[in-house]
Every structure is written in C-alpha cells, then in structure tokens.
C-alpha cells in the first residue's frame, strides 16, 4: 500500500533521519542520539531528540555529559517544531546556545513521477564511482558549505559509502559539471519509500547556471526508479529552500541547528 504523505507522516520521516556511519562513535537511548563524527567535520558532534517527557534541564545536562564523555567540547543540537520536550530550545538558549542554521523540512510526493526540472544548457551529470569523483564531490561541498579541504582519510570513507549503493542505488552521489568544470553535487539515501536528499550544494562561482537543478533531477530519477514515493530534504531557509519550493517541494516545518560550548 502506498503511504499517504500528509504533514504528520512527512515530519515523522524527517525526525527519523539520522546519519550514524560505522566509523562514528554514538550513544543512543529512547530519548536522544549523540554522534561524534571525525573532528574535521563541519559539525563534528551532534545531538537530536527522539522524544522525552522529562524536564528540559535534565535532558540537557545528561546529553552534555555524554558529549563530554566522548571527548568533545562543542555540541550541535538539531531541533524541530515537534521536538519534545518543547522547552528544550529555550533552555539551550538560556545556557548560551546560538542558532547557526535554519532549514525547512521539504517533501515532494513522487507518486505522480518526477516534475519537470530542466538543467542548464552546458551541464552534464555523472555518478560518483571512483576516488576522483569522491574528491570532486567533497571539494564542492567544502566550497558550498565551508569546512576543511578533504584529506585522504575522508576520501577513503566517501568511497566506502558510495560503494554500498552502486549495485542497488540505495545510496550515492552525483556531480554536475558546467562546460567540464565540477560545479554542483548532491547525495541520496533510500530508506523504504523515502528518498533522503542530502548535501546538495554548488560552487559559489557557478551558481545560477542550472547545475543544482541537474543534480536534483538526477537524484529524483533514481528515487522513482527505486520505488520511492517521497523525496525528503532539509533546505536552507535563505538559499536552497526557495529553489526547491519553486520546483514543487512543499514546506512542512522548520529544523534548527544550535551550537553550544560545553
């Protein structure tokens, strides 16, 4: 039976989205998830709620203790409109946390197929399959979002990640080039009927040429071919979200990222 993608089900799918690779250390309970990624990552330590009825201060104290036990001094919290307890964001702000990212929760119903998304005239899209492709994708991500230039270890991890999906399309990345120059990249992961779109970004010098749209179209084609009925993503409020909404994505809520020194 095809799921009905109403607001409640889309937000539930968004709240279930957490990336915990094998090489990361993590602590998961019935109430929260804390993940320690490699220190070179843009957000090396993350926390998100899965729901709690305890007082916000109790949850914050416990999660911050977990992050310290993992050897970390800063923590990036991801919260949404439906995070429980509702007062946790106010508690974090009271302790000095700052909102550093606002993202719209965006969904596109794919039961009717892929909408028309026209790439630029000189844009070509290739799937990332080898070391050079991973390096191009990571360099593009760094230019779009910031962070450190990829080293050999990060490239190796990226190769392992894409290799898992080369046979079944369950995960992967693409790179769009403009007149032969790598310009935009994006990844996907398919979990049941949901295609999670992540890491979509374009080099600042090559924006507005259709590379972002080409990356989106390539991933949506994979999603439909794999049987996904919902494309789900988190778009930056002031950059990618307006583009995605103009292409047919619907906004279902907001997700915020706050950073705090422990």
C-alpha atoms as a PDB file:
ATOM      1  CA  UNK A   1       0.000   0.000   0.000  1.00  0.00           C
ATOM      2  CA  UNK A   2       1.362   3.425  -0.966  1.00  0.00           C
ATOM      3  CA  UNK A   3       1.873   5.715   2.065  1.00  0.00           C
ATOM      4  CA  UNK A   4      -0.175   8.901   2.254  1.00  0.00           C
ATOM      5  CA  UNK A   5       2.296  11.736   2.669  1.00  0.00           C
ATOM      6  CA  UNK A   6       0.463  14.168   4.887  1.00  0.00           C
ATOM      7  CA  UNK A   7       2.198  16.651   7.192  1.00  0.00           C
ATOM      8  CA  UNK A   8       2.350  14.232  10.106  1.00  0.00           C
ATOM      9  CA  UNK A   9       3.971  11.432   8.118  1.00  0.00           C
ATOM     10  CA  UNK A  10       6.471  13.738   6.412  1.00  0.00           C
ATOM     11  CA  UNK A  11       7.556  15.247   9.730  1.00  0.00           C
ATOM     12  CA  UNK A  12       7.835  11.764  11.227  1.00  0.00           C
ATOM     13  CA  UNK A  13      10.098  10.704   8.354  1.00  0.00           C
ATOM     14  CA  UNK A  14      12.182  13.836   8.897  1.00  0.00           C
ATOM     15  CA  UNK A  15      12.575  13.199  12.620  1.00  0.00           C
ATOM     16  CA  UNK A  16      13.689   9.606  11.930  1.00  0.00           C
ATOM     17  CA  UNK A  17      16.530  10.802   9.699  1.00  0.00           C
ATOM     18  CA  UNK A  18      19.853  10.446  11.489  1.00  0.00           C
ATOM     19  CA  UNK A  19      23.212   9.578   9.933  1.00  0.00           C
ATOM     20  CA  UNK A  20      25.382   7.293  12.053  1.00  0.00           C
ATOM     21  CA  UNK A  21      28.232   5.854   9.949  1.00  0.00           C
ATOM     22  CA  UNK A  22      30.210   2.866  11.169  1.00  0.00           C
ATOM     23  CA  UNK A  23      33.303   4.939  11.893  1.00  0.00           C
ATOM     24  CA  UNK A  24      31.464   7.384  14.208  1.00  0.00           C
ATOM     25  CA  UNK A  25      31.020   6.869  17.932  1.00  0.00           C
ATOM     26  CA  UNK A  26      27.466   7.271  19.174  1.00  0.00           C
ATOM     27  CA  UNK A  27      25.206   6.943  22.192  1.00  0.00           C
ATOM     28  CA  UNK A  28      21.527   6.222  21.591  1.00  0.00           C
ATOM     29  CA  UNK A  29      18.746   5.994  24.163  1.00  0.00           C
ATOM     30  CA  UNK A  30      14.960   6.057  23.940  1.00  0.00           C
ATOM     31  CA  UNK A  31      15.146   9.844  24.310  1.00  0.00           C
ATOM     32  CA  UNK A  32      18.129  11.080  22.307  1.00  0.00           C
ATOM     33  CA  UNK A  33      21.007  10.324  19.954  1.00  0.00           C
ATOM     34  CA  UNK A  34      24.506  11.782  20.289  1.00  0.00           C
ATOM     35  CA  UNK A  35      27.035  11.189  17.490  1.00  0.00           C
ATOM     36  CA  UNK A  36      30.758  12.003  17.477  1.00  0.00           C
ATOM     37  CA  UNK A  37      31.982  12.288  13.889  1.00  0.00           C
ATOM     38  CA  UNK A  38      35.624  12.844  12.915  1.00  0.00           C
ATOM     39  CA  UNK A  39      36.896  16.187  14.290  1.00  0.00           C
ATOM     40  CA  UNK A  40      37.427  17.569  10.763  1.00  0.00           C
ATOM     41  CA  UNK A  41      33.681  17.506  10.010  1.00  0.00           C
ATOM     42  CA  UNK A  42      31.813  20.805   9.817  1.00  0.00           C
ATOM     43  CA  UNK A  43      29.575  19.718  12.731  1.00  0.00           C
ATOM     44  CA  UNK A  44      31.733  17.098  14.473  1.00  0.00           C
ATOM     45  CA  UNK A  45      29.387  16.336  17.379  1.00  0.00           C
ATOM     46  CA  UNK A  46      25.607  16.237  17.029  1.00  0.00           C
ATOM     47  CA  UNK A  47      22.626  15.645  19.269  1.00  0.00           C
ATOM     48  CA  UNK A  48      18.971  15.163  18.434  1.00  0.00           C
ATOM     49  CA  UNK A  49      15.912  14.223  20.417  1.00  0.00           C
ATOM     50  CA  UNK A  50      13.704  11.228  19.778  1.00  0.00           C
ATOM     51  CA  UNK A  51      11.259  12.439  22.426  1.00  0.00           C
ATOM     52  CA  UNK A  52      11.184  12.844  26.192  1.00  0.00           C
ATOM     53  CA  UNK A  53       8.737  13.791  28.923  1.00  0.00           C
ATOM     54  CA  UNK A  54      11.477  14.865  31.338  1.00  0.00           C
ATOM     55  CA  UNK A  55      12.303  18.445  32.259  1.00  0.00           C
ATOM     56  CA  UNK A  56      14.443  20.190  29.597  1.00  0.00           C
ATOM     57  CA  UNK A  57      17.259  20.915  32.064  1.00  0.00           C
ATOM     58  CA  UNK A  58      17.564  17.214  32.925  1.00  0.00           C
ATOM     59  CA  UNK A  59      17.859  16.197  29.270  1.00  0.00           C
ATOM     60  CA  UNK A  60      20.384  18.939  28.505  1.00  0.00           C
ATOM     61  CA  UNK A  61      22.571  18.022  31.482  1.00  0.00           C
ATOM     62  CA  UNK A  62      22.578  14.353  30.511  1.00  0.00           C
ATOM     63  CA  UNK A  63      23.266  14.892  26.798  1.00  0.00           C
ATOM     64  CA  UNK A  64      26.047  17.368  27.507  1.00  0.00           C
ATOM     65  CA  UNK A  65      27.600  14.844  29.879  1.00  0.00           C
ATOM     66  CA  UNK A  66      27.501  12.218  27.128  1.00  0.00           C
ATOM     67  CA  UNK A  67      29.219  14.592  24.694  1.00  0.00           C
ATOM     68  CA  UNK A  68      31.939  15.362  27.245  1.00  0.00           C
ATOM     69  CA  UNK A  69      32.466  11.637  27.825  1.00  0.00           C
ATOM     70  CA  UNK A  70      33.032  11.343  24.075  1.00  0.00           C
ATOM     71  CA  UNK A  71      35.817  13.899  24.442  1.00  0.00           C
ATOM     72  CA  UNK A  72      34.025  16.824  22.816  1.00  0.00           C
ATOM     73  CA  UNK A  73      33.910  20.483  23.850  1.00  0.00           C
ATOM     74  CA  UNK A  74      31.223  21.774  21.461  1.00  0.00           C
ATOM     75  CA  UNK A  75      27.872  20.306  20.525  1.00  0.00           C
ATOM     76  CA  UNK A  76      25.466  20.946  17.657  1.00  0.00           C
ATOM     77  CA  UNK A  77      21.826  20.296  18.558  1.00  0.00           C
ATOM     78  CA  UNK A  78      19.229  19.604  15.863  1.00  0.00           C
ATOM     79  CA  UNK A  79      15.690  20.507  16.880  1.00  0.00           C
ATOM     80  CA  UNK A  80      12.393  20.737  15.026  1.00  0.00           C
ATOM     81  CA  UNK A  81       8.940  22.155  15.587  1.00  0.00           C
ATOM     82  CA  UNK A  82       7.872  18.818  17.077  1.00  0.00           C
ATOM     83  CA  UNK A  83      10.856  18.198  19.381  1.00  0.00           C
ATOM     84  CA  UNK A  84       9.918  17.055  22.890  1.00  0.00           C
ATOM     85  CA  UNK A  85      10.174  18.497  25.470  1.00  0.00           C
ATOM     86  CA  UNK A  86       9.058  21.730  23.843  1.00  0.00           C
ATOM     87  CA  UNK A  87      11.068  23.907  26.230  1.00  0.00           C
ATOM     88  CA  UNK A  88      14.439  22.397  25.369  1.00  0.00           C
ATOM     89  CA  UNK A  89      15.396  25.041  22.807  1.00  0.00           C
ATOM     90  CA  UNK A  90      14.705  27.829  25.302  1.00  0.00           C
ATOM     91  CA  UNK A  91      16.823  26.001  27.872  1.00  0.00           C
ATOM     92  CA  UNK A  92      19.729  25.755  25.429  1.00  0.00           C
ATOM     93  CA  UNK A  93      19.494  29.445  24.539  1.00  0.00           C
ATOM     94  CA  UNK A  94      19.450  30.296  28.246  1.00  0.00           C
ATOM     95  CA  UNK A  95      22.761  28.432  28.566  1.00  0.00           C
ATOM     96  CA  UNK A  96      24.340  30.324  25.696  1.00  0.00           C
ATOM     97  CA  UNK A  97      23.468  28.244  22.610  1.00  0.00           C
ATOM     98  CA  UNK A  98      23.150  30.086  19.306  1.00  0.00           C
ATOM     99  CA  UNK A  99      21.062  29.203  16.260  1.00  0.00           C
ATOM    100  CA  UNK A 100      23.532  28.731  13.402  1.00  0.00           C
ATOM    101  CA  UNK A 101      21.283  27.126  10.786  1.00  0.00           C
ATOM    102  CA  UNK A 102      17.600  27.242   9.897  1.00  0.00           C
ATOM    103  CA  UNK A 103      16.309  24.649   7.453  1.00  0.00           C
ATOM    104  CA  UNK A 104      12.875  23.999   6.038  1.00  0.00           C
ATOM    105  CA  UNK A 105      11.578  20.433   6.115  1.00  0.00           C
ATOM    106  CA  UNK A 106      10.663  19.856   2.475  1.00  0.00           C
ATOM    107  CA  UNK A 107       8.847  16.960   0.852  1.00  0.00           C
ATOM    108  CA  UNK A 108       7.934  16.077  -2.714  1.00  0.00           C
ATOM    109  CA  UNK A 109       5.312  13.402  -3.428  1.00  0.00           C
ATOM    110  CA  UNK A 110       6.715  11.164  -6.176  1.00  0.00           C
ATOM    111  CA  UNK A 111       3.656   9.007  -6.762  1.00  0.00           C
ATOM    112  CA  UNK A 112       2.963  11.031  -9.909  1.00  0.00           C
ATOM    113  CA  UNK A 113       6.544  10.818 -11.157  1.00  0.00           C
ATOM    114  CA  UNK A 114       9.319  13.407 -11.398  1.00  0.00           C
ATOM    115  CA  UNK A 115       8.356  17.036 -12.071  1.00  0.00           C
ATOM    116  CA  UNK A 116       9.970  18.888 -14.924  1.00  0.00           C
ATOM    117  CA  UNK A 117      13.364  20.098 -13.732  1.00  0.00           C
ATOM    118  CA  UNK A 118      15.391  21.471 -16.617  1.00  0.00           C
ATOM    119  CA  UNK A 119      19.196  21.605 -16.233  1.00  0.00           C
ATOM    120  CA  UNK A 120      21.376  24.283 -17.813  1.00  0.00           C
ATOM    121  CA  UNK A 121      22.447  24.013 -21.446  1.00  0.00           C
ATOM    122  CA  UNK A 122      26.105  23.174 -20.761  1.00  0.00           C
ATOM    123  CA  UNK A 123      25.501  20.958 -17.721  1.00  0.00           C
ATOM    124  CA  UNK A 124      26.412  17.270 -17.594  1.00  0.00           C
ATOM    125  CA  UNK A 125      25.806  14.938 -14.647  1.00  0.00           C
ATOM    126  CA  UNK A 126      27.905  11.937 -13.671  1.00  0.00           C
ATOM    127  CA  UNK A 127      27.510   9.475 -10.853  1.00  0.00           C
ATOM    128  CA  UNK A 128      30.341   9.322  -8.347  1.00  0.00           C
ATOM    129  CA  UNK A 129      32.005   5.928  -8.725  1.00  0.00           C
ATOM    130  CA  UNK A 130      35.707   6.371  -8.021  1.00  0.00           C
ATOM    131  CA  UNK A 131      38.263   8.266  -5.972  1.00  0.00           C
ATOM    132  CA  UNK A 132      38.424  11.260  -8.294  1.00  0.00           C
ATOM    133  CA  UNK A 133      34.644  11.597  -8.203  1.00  0.00           C
ATOM    134  CA  UNK A 134      34.575  11.475  -4.410  1.00  0.00           C
ATOM    135  CA  UNK A 135      37.294  14.130  -4.241  1.00  0.00           C
ATOM    136  CA  UNK A 136      35.354  16.404  -6.628  1.00  0.00           C
ATOM    137  CA  UNK A 137      32.180  15.975  -4.570  1.00  0.00           C
ATOM    138  CA  UNK A 138      33.901  16.707  -1.270  1.00  0.00           C
ATOM    139  CA  UNK A 139      35.724  19.750  -2.645  1.00  0.00           C
ATOM    140  CA  UNK A 140      32.417  21.112  -3.954  1.00  0.00           C
ATOM    141  CA  UNK A 141      30.763  20.518  -0.592  1.00  0.00           C
ATOM    142  CA  UNK A 142      33.578  22.377   1.150  1.00  0.00           C
ATOM    143  CA  UNK A 143      33.243  25.328  -1.247  1.00  0.00           C
ATOM    144  CA  UNK A 144      29.472  25.458  -0.749  1.00  0.00           C
ATOM    145  CA  UNK A 145      29.197  24.876   2.998  1.00  0.00           C
ATOM    146  CA  UNK A 146      32.638  25.580   4.459  1.00  0.00           C
ATOM    147  CA  UNK A 147      34.880  23.307   6.479  1.00  0.00           C
ATOM    148  CA  UNK A 148      38.271  21.770   5.805  1.00  0.00           C
ATOM    149  CA  UNK A 149      39.560  20.513   2.469  1.00  0.00           C
ATOM    150  CA  UNK A 150      39.153  16.716   2.248  1.00  0.00           C
ATOM    151  CA  UNK A 151      42.123  14.569   3.179  1.00  0.00           C
ATOM    152  CA  UNK A 152      42.880  11.009   2.056  1.00  0.00           C
ATOM    153  CA  UNK A 153      41.088   9.524   5.042  1.00  0.00           C
ATOM    154  CA  UNK A 154      37.867  11.389   4.291  1.00  0.00           C
ATOM    155  CA  UNK A 155      38.056  10.401   0.628  1.00  0.00           C
ATOM    156  CA  UNK A 156      38.507   6.761   1.651  1.00  0.00           C
ATOM    157  CA  UNK A 157      35.390   6.972   3.838  1.00  0.00           C
ATOM    158  CA  UNK A 158      33.460   8.505   0.953  1.00  0.00           C
ATOM    159  CA  UNK A 159      34.499   5.669  -1.341  1.00  0.00           C
ATOM    160  CA  UNK A 160      33.224   3.083   1.123  1.00  0.00           C
ATOM    161  CA  UNK A 161      29.930   4.936   1.426  1.00  0.00           C
ATOM    162  CA  UNK A 162      29.170   5.146  -2.296  1.00  0.00           C
ATOM    163  CA  UNK A 163      30.289   1.552  -2.936  1.00  0.00           C
ATOM    164  CA  UNK A 164      27.341   0.292  -0.879  1.00  0.00           C
ATOM    165  CA  UNK A 165      24.849   1.644  -3.406  1.00  0.00           C
ATOM    166  CA  UNK A 166      26.476   1.005  -6.760  1.00  0.00           C
ATOM    167  CA  UNK A 167      24.537  -2.240  -7.203  1.00  0.00           C
ATOM    168  CA  UNK A 168      21.126  -1.278  -5.818  1.00  0.00           C
ATOM    169  CA  UNK A 169      21.009   2.558  -5.848  1.00  0.00           C
ATOM    170  CA  UNK A 170      20.311   2.598  -2.103  1.00  0.00           C
ATOM    171  CA  UNK A 171      22.861   5.374  -1.610  1.00  0.00           C
ATOM    172  CA  UNK A 172      25.017   7.504  -3.876  1.00  0.00           C
ATOM    173  CA  UNK A 173      26.269  10.864  -5.044  1.00  0.00           C
ATOM    174  CA  UNK A 174      26.345  12.753  -8.318  1.00  0.00           C
ATOM    175  CA  UNK A 175      28.421  15.659  -9.621  1.00  0.00           C
ATOM    176  CA  UNK A 176      27.208  18.155 -12.218  1.00  0.00           C
ATOM    177  CA  UNK A 177      29.754  19.968 -14.359  1.00  0.00           C
ATOM    178  CA  UNK A 178      29.377  23.186 -16.333  1.00  0.00           C
ATOM    179  CA  UNK A 179      31.428  23.201 -19.511  1.00  0.00           C
ATOM    180  CA  UNK A 180      33.577  20.463 -17.983  1.00  0.00           C
ATOM    181  CA  UNK A 181      34.159  22.153 -14.627  1.00  0.00           C
ATOM    182  CA  UNK A 182      32.717  20.438 -11.492  1.00  0.00           C
ATOM    183  CA  UNK A 183      30.004  22.787 -10.259  1.00  0.00           C
ATOM    184  CA  UNK A 184      27.443  21.078  -8.036  1.00  0.00           C
ATOM    185  CA  UNK A 185      26.974  17.890  -6.049  1.00  0.00           C
ATOM    186  CA  UNK A 186      24.391  16.066  -4.005  1.00  0.00           C
ATOM    187  CA  UNK A 187      23.764  12.710  -2.399  1.00  0.00           C
ATOM    188  CA  UNK A 188      20.837  10.457  -1.603  1.00  0.00           C
ATOM    189  CA  UNK A 189      19.867   7.531   0.561  1.00  0.00           C
ATOM    190  CA  UNK A 190      16.741   5.430   0.150  1.00  0.00           C
ATOM    191  CA  UNK A 191      15.048   4.089   3.271  1.00  0.00           C
ATOM    192  CA  UNK A 192      11.843   2.230   2.479  1.00  0.00           C
ATOM    193  CA  UNK A 193       9.567   4.570   0.494  1.00  0.00           C
ATOM    194  CA  UNK A 194      11.605   7.671   1.350  1.00  0.00           C
ATOM    195  CA  UNK A 195      14.483   9.079  -0.679  1.00  0.00           C
ATOM    196  CA  UNK A 196      16.556  11.315   1.585  1.00  0.00           C
ATOM    197  CA  UNK A 197      18.300  14.050  -0.385  1.00  0.00           C
ATOM    198  CA  UNK A 198      21.377  15.467   1.323  1.00  0.00           C
ATOM    199  CA  UNK A 199      24.439  17.585   0.648  1.00  0.00           C
ATOM    200  CA  UNK A 200      23.090  19.497  -2.330  1.00  0.00           C
ATOM    201  CA  UNK A 201      25.416  22.430  -2.942  1.00  0.00           C
ATOM    202  CA  UNK A 202      27.021  24.447  -5.736  1.00  0.00           C
ATOM    203  CA  UNK A 203      30.329  26.242  -6.058  1.00  0.00           C
ATOM    204  CA  UNK A 204      29.716  29.973  -5.424  1.00  0.00           C
ATOM    205  CA  UNK A 205      31.295  30.927  -8.769  1.00  0.00           C
ATOM    206  CA  UNK A 206      28.999  28.605 -10.750  1.00  0.00           C
ATOM    207  CA  UNK A 207      25.586  29.276  -9.283  1.00  0.00           C
ATOM    208  CA  UNK A 208      22.632  30.187 -11.468  1.00  0.00           C
ATOM    209  CA  UNK A 209      23.747  28.021 -14.407  1.00  0.00           C
ATOM    210  CA  UNK A 210      21.446  25.040 -13.840  1.00  0.00           C
ATOM    211  CA  UNK A 211      23.911  22.681 -12.148  1.00  0.00           C
ATOM    212  CA  UNK A 212      21.887  22.493  -8.904  1.00  0.00           C
ATOM    213  CA  UNK A 213      18.744  21.627 -10.850  1.00  0.00           C
ATOM    214  CA  UNK A 214      20.620  18.946 -12.777  1.00  0.00           C
ATOM    215  CA  UNK A 215      21.833  17.332  -9.544  1.00  0.00           C
ATOM    216  CA  UNK A 216      18.288  17.396  -8.181  1.00  0.00           C
ATOM    217  CA  UNK A 217      16.786  15.862 -11.316  1.00  0.00           C
ATOM    218  CA  UNK A 218      19.342  13.043 -11.393  1.00  0.00           C
ATOM    219  CA  UNK A 219      18.580  12.101  -7.783  1.00  0.00           C
ATOM    220  CA  UNK A 220      14.809  12.259  -8.270  1.00  0.00           C
ATOM    221  CA  UNK A 221      15.119   9.931 -11.278  1.00  0.00           C
ATOM    222  CA  UNK A 222      16.984   7.432  -9.095  1.00  0.00           C
ATOM    223  CA  UNK A 223      14.331   7.763  -6.389  1.00  0.00           C
ATOM    224  CA  UNK A 224      11.434   6.984  -8.722  1.00  0.00           C
ATOM    225  CA  UNK A 225      13.338   4.163 -10.388  1.00  0.00           C
ATOM    226  CA  UNK A 226      13.939   2.644  -6.949  1.00  0.00           C
ATOM    227  CA  UNK A 227      10.270   2.831  -5.963  1.00  0.00           C
ATOM    228  CA  UNK A 228      10.460   5.742  -3.505  1.00  0.00           C
ATOM    229  CA  UNK A 229       7.251   7.743  -3.174  1.00  0.00           C
ATOM    230  CA  UNK A 230       8.605  10.692  -1.170  1.00  0.00           C
ATOM    231  CA  UNK A 231      11.653  12.879  -1.717  1.00  0.00           C
ATOM    232  CA  UNK A 232      12.640  14.392   1.624  1.00  0.00           C
ATOM    233  CA  UNK A 233      15.219  17.073   2.284  1.00  0.00           C
ATOM    234  CA  UNK A 234      16.154  19.927   4.601  1.00  0.00           C
ATOM    235  CA  UNK A 235      16.717  23.124   2.638  1.00  0.00           C
ATOM    236  CA  UNK A 236      18.446  26.213   3.973  1.00  0.00           C
ATOM    237  CA  UNK A 237      15.791  28.853   4.527  1.00  0.00           C
ATOM    238  CA  UNK A 238      17.618  31.589   2.608  1.00  0.00           C
ATOM    239  CA  UNK A 239      19.263  29.610  -0.205  1.00  0.00           C
ATOM    240  CA  UNK A 240      18.118  26.189  -1.387  1.00  0.00           C
ATOM    241  CA  UNK A 241      14.618  26.156   0.109  1.00  0.00           C
ATOM    242  CA  UNK A 242      13.170  28.826  -2.241  1.00  0.00           C
ATOM    243  CA  UNK A 243      14.611  26.973  -5.242  1.00  0.00           C
ATOM    244  CA  UNK A 244      13.195  23.624  -4.148  1.00  0.00           C
ATOM    245  CA  UNK A 245       9.789  25.062  -3.351  1.00  0.00           C
ATOM    246  CA  UNK A 246       9.616  26.676  -6.783  1.00  0.00           C
ATOM    247  CA  UNK A 247      10.310  23.233  -8.272  1.00  0.00           C
ATOM    248  CA  UNK A 248       7.403  21.581  -6.458  1.00  0.00           C
ATOM    249  CA  UNK A 249       8.627  20.741  -2.958  1.00  0.00           C
ATOM    250  CA  UNK A 250       6.250  21.574  -0.121  1.00  0.00           C
ATOM    251  CA  UNK A 251       7.308  23.017   3.226  1.00  0.00           C
ATOM    252  CA  UNK A 252       6.128  21.034   6.277  1.00  0.00           C
ATOM    253  CA  UNK A 253       8.037  22.707   9.104  1.00  0.00           C
ATOM    254  CA  UNK A 254      11.395  24.014  10.224  1.00  0.00           C
ATOM    255  CA  UNK A 255      14.503  22.387  11.632  1.00  0.00           C
ATOM    256  CA  UNK A 256      17.031  24.437  13.563  1.00  0.00           C
ATOM    257  CA  UNK A 257      20.636  23.757  14.463  1.00  0.00           C
ATOM    258  CA  UNK A 258      22.073  25.306  17.616  1.00  0.00           C
ATOM    259  CA  UNK A 259      25.687  25.182  18.732  1.00  0.00           C
ATOM    260  CA  UNK A 260      26.841  25.408  22.336  1.00  0.00           C
ATOM    261  CA  UNK A 261      30.188  25.303  24.084  1.00  0.00           C
ATOM    262  CA  UNK A 262      30.167  22.673  26.794  1.00  0.00           C
END
